[in-house]
Amino acid sequence: MPEFHPGRVLVGLLLAALLAGCGQKGPLYLPKPQSQPPSSEQTPTAKP
């Protein structure tokens, strides 16, 4: 039966905390899409 090492548990918890803490910095939501002004030029439609 393996021995219990409290030092390994502590190192594992610290490693998990470091990995959980290093994430994306910034807002945690999707930014709203910017509305584009309607173009004044219209593409001509092809007529057969």
PDB file of N, CA and C in Angstrom:
ATOM      1  N   MET A   1       0.849  -1.181   0.000  1.00  0.00           N
ATOM      2  CA  MET A   1       0.000   0.000   0.000  1.00  0.00           C
ATOM      3  C   MET A   1       0.896   1.247   0.000  1.00  0.00           C
ATOM      4  N   PRO A   2       0.631   2.210  -0.925  1.00  0.00           N
ATOM      5  CA  PRO A   2       1.492   3.402  -0.985  1.00  0.00           C
ATOM      6  C   PRO A   2       1.307   4.285   0.246  1.00  0.00           C
ATOM      7  N   GLU A   3       2.389   4.973   0.602  1.00  0.00           N
ATOM      8  CA  GLU A   3       2.352   5.864   1.760  1.00  0.00           C
ATOM      9  C   GLU A   3       1.698   7.185   1.396  1.00  0.00           C
ATOM     10  N   PHE A   4       1.115   7.816   2.400  1.00  0.00           N
ATOM     11  CA  PHE A   4       0.466   9.116   2.207  1.00  0.00           C
ATOM     12  C   PHE A   4       1.521  10.207   2.380  1.00  0.00           C
ATOM     13  N   HIS A   5       1.649  11.073   1.361  1.00  0.00           N
ATOM     14  CA  HIS A   5       2.607  12.167   1.410  1.00  0.00           C
ATOM     15  C   HIS A   5       1.848  13.497   1.358  1.00  0.00           C
ATOM     16  N   PRO A   6       1.728  14.180   2.510  1.00  0.00           N
ATOM     17  CA  PRO A   6       0.985  15.450   2.505  1.00  0.00           C
ATOM     18  C   PRO A   6       1.663  16.517   1.647  1.00  0.00           C
ATOM     19  N   GLY A   7       2.958  16.418   1.459  1.00  0.00           N
ATOM     20  CA  GLY A   7       3.668  17.376   0.624  1.00  0.00           C
ATOM     21  C   GLY A   7       3.249  17.271  -0.836  1.00  0.00           C
ATOM     22  N   ARG A   8       3.021  16.073  -1.306  1.00  0.00           N
ATOM     23  CA  ARG A   8       2.583  15.875  -2.691  1.00  0.00           C
ATOM     24  C   ARG A   8       1.173  16.407  -2.902  1.00  0.00           C
ATOM     25  N   VAL A   9       0.326  16.231  -1.883  1.00  0.00           N
ATOM     26  CA  VAL A   9      -1.036  16.754  -1.978  1.00  0.00           C
ATOM     27  C   VAL A   9      -0.999  18.272  -2.045  1.00  0.00           C
ATOM     28  N   LEU A  10      -0.153  18.883  -1.213  1.00  0.00           N
ATOM     29  CA  LEU A  10      -0.030  20.341  -1.206  1.00  0.00           C
ATOM     30  C   LEU A  10       0.498  20.855  -2.542  1.00  0.00           C
ATOM     31  N   VAL A  11       1.492  20.178  -3.092  1.00  0.00           N
ATOM     32  CA  VAL A  11       2.037  20.581  -4.395  1.00  0.00           C
ATOM     33  C   VAL A  11       0.967  20.426  -5.475  1.00  0.00           C
ATOM     34  N   GLY A  12       0.189  19.362  -5.431  1.00  0.00           N
ATOM     35  CA  GLY A  12      -0.868  19.163  -6.409  1.00  0.00           C
ATOM     36  C   GLY A  12      -1.940  20.247  -6.316  1.00  0.00           C
ATOM     37  N   LEU A  13      -2.315  20.619  -5.089  1.00  0.00           N
ATOM     38  CA  LEU A  13      -3.305  21.681  -4.925  1.00  0.00           C
ATOM     39  C   LEU A  13      -2.767  23.027  -5.405  1.00  0.00           C
ATOM     40  N   LEU A  14      -1.514  23.320  -5.127  1.00  0.00           N
ATOM     41  CA  LEU A  14      -0.919  24.575  -5.594  1.00  0.00           C
ATOM     42  C   LEU A  14      -0.832  24.605  -7.117  1.00  0.00           C
ATOM     43  N   LEU A  15      -0.479  23.483  -7.711  1.00  0.00           N
ATOM     44  CA  LEU A  15      -0.412  23.415  -9.172  1.00  0.00           C
ATOM     45  C   LEU A  15      -1.789  23.610  -9.790  1.00  0.00           C
ATOM     46  N   ALA A  16      -2.799  23.003  -9.196  1.00  0.00           N
ATOM     47  CA  ALA A  16      -4.168  23.161  -9.707  1.00  0.00           C
ATOM     48  C   ALA A  16      -4.625  24.605  -9.563  1.00  0.00           C
ATOM     49  N   ALA A  17      -4.273  25.258  -8.462  1.00  0.00           N
ATOM     50  CA  ALA A  17      -4.652  26.662  -8.260  1.00  0.00           C
ATOM     51  C   ALA A  17      -3.954  27.568  -9.271  1.00  0.00           C
ATOM     52  N   LEU A  18      -2.696  27.286  -9.556  1.00  0.00           N
ATOM     53  CA  LEU A  18      -1.977  28.098 -10.547  1.00  0.00           C
ATOM     54  C   LEU A  18      -2.560  27.921 -11.943  1.00  0.00           C
ATOM     55  N   LEU A  19      -2.899  26.685 -12.293  1.00  0.00           N
ATOM     56  CA  LEU A  19      -3.461  26.439 -13.616  1.00  0.00           C
ATOM     57  C   LEU A  19      -4.853  27.046 -13.748  1.00  0.00           C
ATOM     58  N   ALA A  20      -5.607  27.057 -12.677  1.00  0.00           N
ATOM     59  CA  ALA A  20      -6.952  27.634 -12.721  1.00  0.00           C
ATOM     60  C   ALA A  20      -6.884  29.156 -12.749  1.00  0.00           C
ATOM     61  N   GLY A  21      -5.830  29.718 -12.179  1.00  0.00           N
ATOM     62  CA  GLY A  21      -5.724  31.170 -12.098  1.00  0.00           C
ATOM     63  C   GLY A  21      -5.179  31.814 -13.360  1.00  0.00           C
ATOM     64  N   CYS A  22      -4.504  31.071 -14.222  1.00  0.00           N
ATOM     65  CA  CYS A  22      -3.928  31.675 -15.420  1.00  0.00           C
ATOM     66  C   CYS A  22      -4.892  31.465 -16.577  1.00  0.00           C
ATOM     67  N   GLY A  23      -5.725  32.444 -16.809  1.00  0.00           N
ATOM     68  CA  GLY A  23      -6.712  32.294 -17.866  1.00  0.00           C
ATOM     69  C   GLY A  23      -6.769  33.534 -18.733  1.00  0.00           C
ATOM     70  N   GLN A  24      -7.791  33.607 -19.527  1.00  0.00           N
ATOM     71  CA  GLN A  24      -8.006  34.737 -20.417  1.00  0.00           C
ATOM     72  C   GLN A  24      -8.302  35.986 -19.595  1.00  0.00           C
ATOM     73  N   LYS A  25      -7.569  37.036 -19.869  1.00  0.00           N
ATOM     74  CA  LYS A  25      -7.836  38.285 -19.191  1.00  0.00           C
ATOM     75  C   LYS A  25      -8.772  39.111 -20.062  1.00  0.00           C
ATOM     76  N   GLY A  26      -9.721  39.768 -19.454  1.00  0.00           N
ATOM     77  CA  GLY A  26     -10.652  40.583 -20.209  1.00  0.00           C
ATOM     78  C   GLY A  26     -12.079  40.196 -19.900  1.00  0.00           C
ATOM     79  N   PRO A  27     -12.995  40.728 -20.665  1.00  0.00           N
ATOM     80  CA  PRO A  27     -14.409  40.462 -20.389  1.00  0.00           C
ATOM     81  C   PRO A  27     -14.764  38.997 -20.659  1.00  0.00           C
ATOM     82  N   LEU A  28     -15.653  38.477 -19.841  1.00  0.00           N
ATOM     83  CA  LEU A  28     -16.062  37.086 -19.981  1.00  0.00           C
ATOM     84  C   LEU A  28     -17.392  36.981 -20.714  1.00  0.00           C
ATOM     85  N   TYR A  29     -17.575  37.778 -21.742  1.00  0.00           N
ATOM     86  CA  TYR A  29     -18.783  37.746 -22.540  1.00  0.00           C
ATOM     87  C   TYR A  29     -18.408  38.083 -23.974  1.00  0.00           C
ATOM     88  N   LEU A  30     -19.258  37.712 -24.902  1.00  0.00           N
ATOM     89  CA  LEU A  30     -19.001  38.036 -26.300  1.00  0.00           C
ATOM     90  C   LEU A  30     -19.378  39.491 -26.542  1.00  0.00           C
ATOM     91  N   PRO A  31     -18.514  40.262 -27.170  1.00  0.00           N
ATOM     92  CA  PRO A  31     -18.867  41.651 -27.454  1.00  0.00           C
ATOM     93  C   PRO A  31     -19.993  41.725 -28.474  1.00  0.00           C
ATOM     94  N   LYS A  32     -20.791  42.784 -28.372  1.00  0.00           N
ATOM     95  CA  LYS A  32     -21.897  42.964 -29.320  1.00  0.00           C
ATOM     96  C   LYS A  32     -21.315  43.300 -30.689  1.00  0.00           C
ATOM     97  N   PRO A  33     -21.847  42.713 -31.745  1.00  0.00           N
ATOM     98  CA  PRO A  33     -21.326  43.033 -33.076  1.00  0.00           C
ATOM     99  C   PRO A  33     -21.642  44.483 -33.439  1.00  0.00           C
ATOM    100  N   GLN A  34     -20.664  45.141 -34.032  1.00  0.00           N
ATOM    101  CA  GLN A  34     -20.870  46.530 -34.425  1.00  0.00           C
ATOM    102  C   GLN A  34     -21.720  46.560 -35.686  1.00  0.00           C
ATOM    103  N   SER A  35     -22.734  47.398 -35.670  1.00  0.00           N
ATOM    104  CA  SER A  35     -23.594  47.497 -36.846  1.00  0.00           C
ATOM    105  C   SER A  35     -22.886  48.300 -37.927  1.00  0.00           C
ATOM    106  N   GLN A  36     -22.948  47.807 -39.136  1.00  0.00           N
ATOM    107  CA  GLN A  36     -22.316  48.484 -40.261  1.00  0.00           C
ATOM    108  C   GLN A  36     -23.348  49.384 -40.925  1.00  0.00           C
ATOM    109  N   PRO A  37     -22.951  50.601 -41.299  1.00  0.00           N
ATOM    110  CA  PRO A  37     -23.898  51.482 -41.989  1.00  0.00           C
ATOM    111  C   PRO A  37     -24.270  50.896 -43.349  1.00  0.00           C
ATOM    112  N   PRO A  38     -25.509  51.062 -43.768  1.00  0.00           N
ATOM    113  CA  PRO A  38     -25.907  50.515 -45.074  1.00  0.00           C
ATOM    114  C   PRO A  38     -25.121  51.189 -46.196  1.00  0.00           C
ATOM    115  N   SER A  39     -24.665  50.371 -47.118  1.00  0.00           N
ATOM    116  CA  SER A  39     -23.879  50.929 -48.220  1.00  0.00           C
ATOM    117  C   SER A  39     -24.806  51.637 -49.217  1.00  0.00           C
ATOM    118  N   SER A  40     -24.325  52.760 -49.740  1.00  0.00           N
ATOM    119  CA  SER A  40     -25.140  53.521 -50.680  1.00  0.00           C
ATOM    120  C   SER A  40     -25.124  52.885 -52.072  1.00  0.00           C
ATOM    121  N   GLU A  41     -24.114  52.052 -52.327  1.00  0.00           N
ATOM    122  CA  GLU A  41     -24.027  51.409 -53.641  1.00  0.00           C
ATOM    123  C   GLU A  41     -24.749  50.072 -53.591  1.00  0.00           C
ATOM    124  N   GLN A  42     -25.556  49.811 -54.592  1.00  0.00           N
ATOM    125  CA  GLN A  42     -26.213  48.537 -54.700  1.00  0.00           C
ATOM    126  C   GLN A  42     -25.656  47.813 -55.902  1.00  0.00           C
ATOM    127  N   THR A  43     -25.434  46.535 -55.725  1.00  0.00           N
ATOM    128  CA  THR A  43     -24.893  45.757 -56.825  1.00  0.00           C
ATOM    129  C   THR A  43     -26.013  45.467 -57.827  1.00  0.00           C
ATOM    130  N   PRO A  44     -25.764  45.651 -59.102  1.00  0.00           N
ATOM    131  CA  PRO A  44     -26.826  45.401 -60.100  1.00  0.00           C
ATOM    132  C   PRO A  44     -27.107  43.907 -60.195  1.00  0.00           C
ATOM    133  N   THR A  45     -28.341  43.569 -60.364  1.00  0.00           N
ATOM    134  CA  THR A  45     -28.718  42.173 -60.507  1.00  0.00           C
ATOM    135  C   THR A  45     -28.685  41.811 -61.997  1.00  0.00           C
ATOM    136  N   ALA A  46     -28.211  40.621 -62.262  1.00  0.00           N
ATOM    137  CA  ALA A  46     -28.113  40.161 -63.654  1.00  0.00           C
ATOM    138  C   ALA A  46     -29.497  39.719 -64.142  1.00  0.00           C
ATOM    139  N   LYS A  47     -29.934  40.244 -65.295  1.00  0.00           N
ATOM    140  CA  LYS A  47     -31.213  39.839 -65.872  1.00  0.00           C
ATOM    141  C   LYS A  47     -30.941  39.045 -67.132  1.00  0.00           C
ATOM    142  N   PRO A  48     -31.555  37.905 -67.306  1.00  0.00           N
ATOM    143  CA  PRO A  48     -31.315  37.066 -68.507  1.00  0.00           C
ATOM    144  C   PRO A  48     -31.963  37.655 -69.746  1.00  0.00           C
TER     145      PRO A  48
END
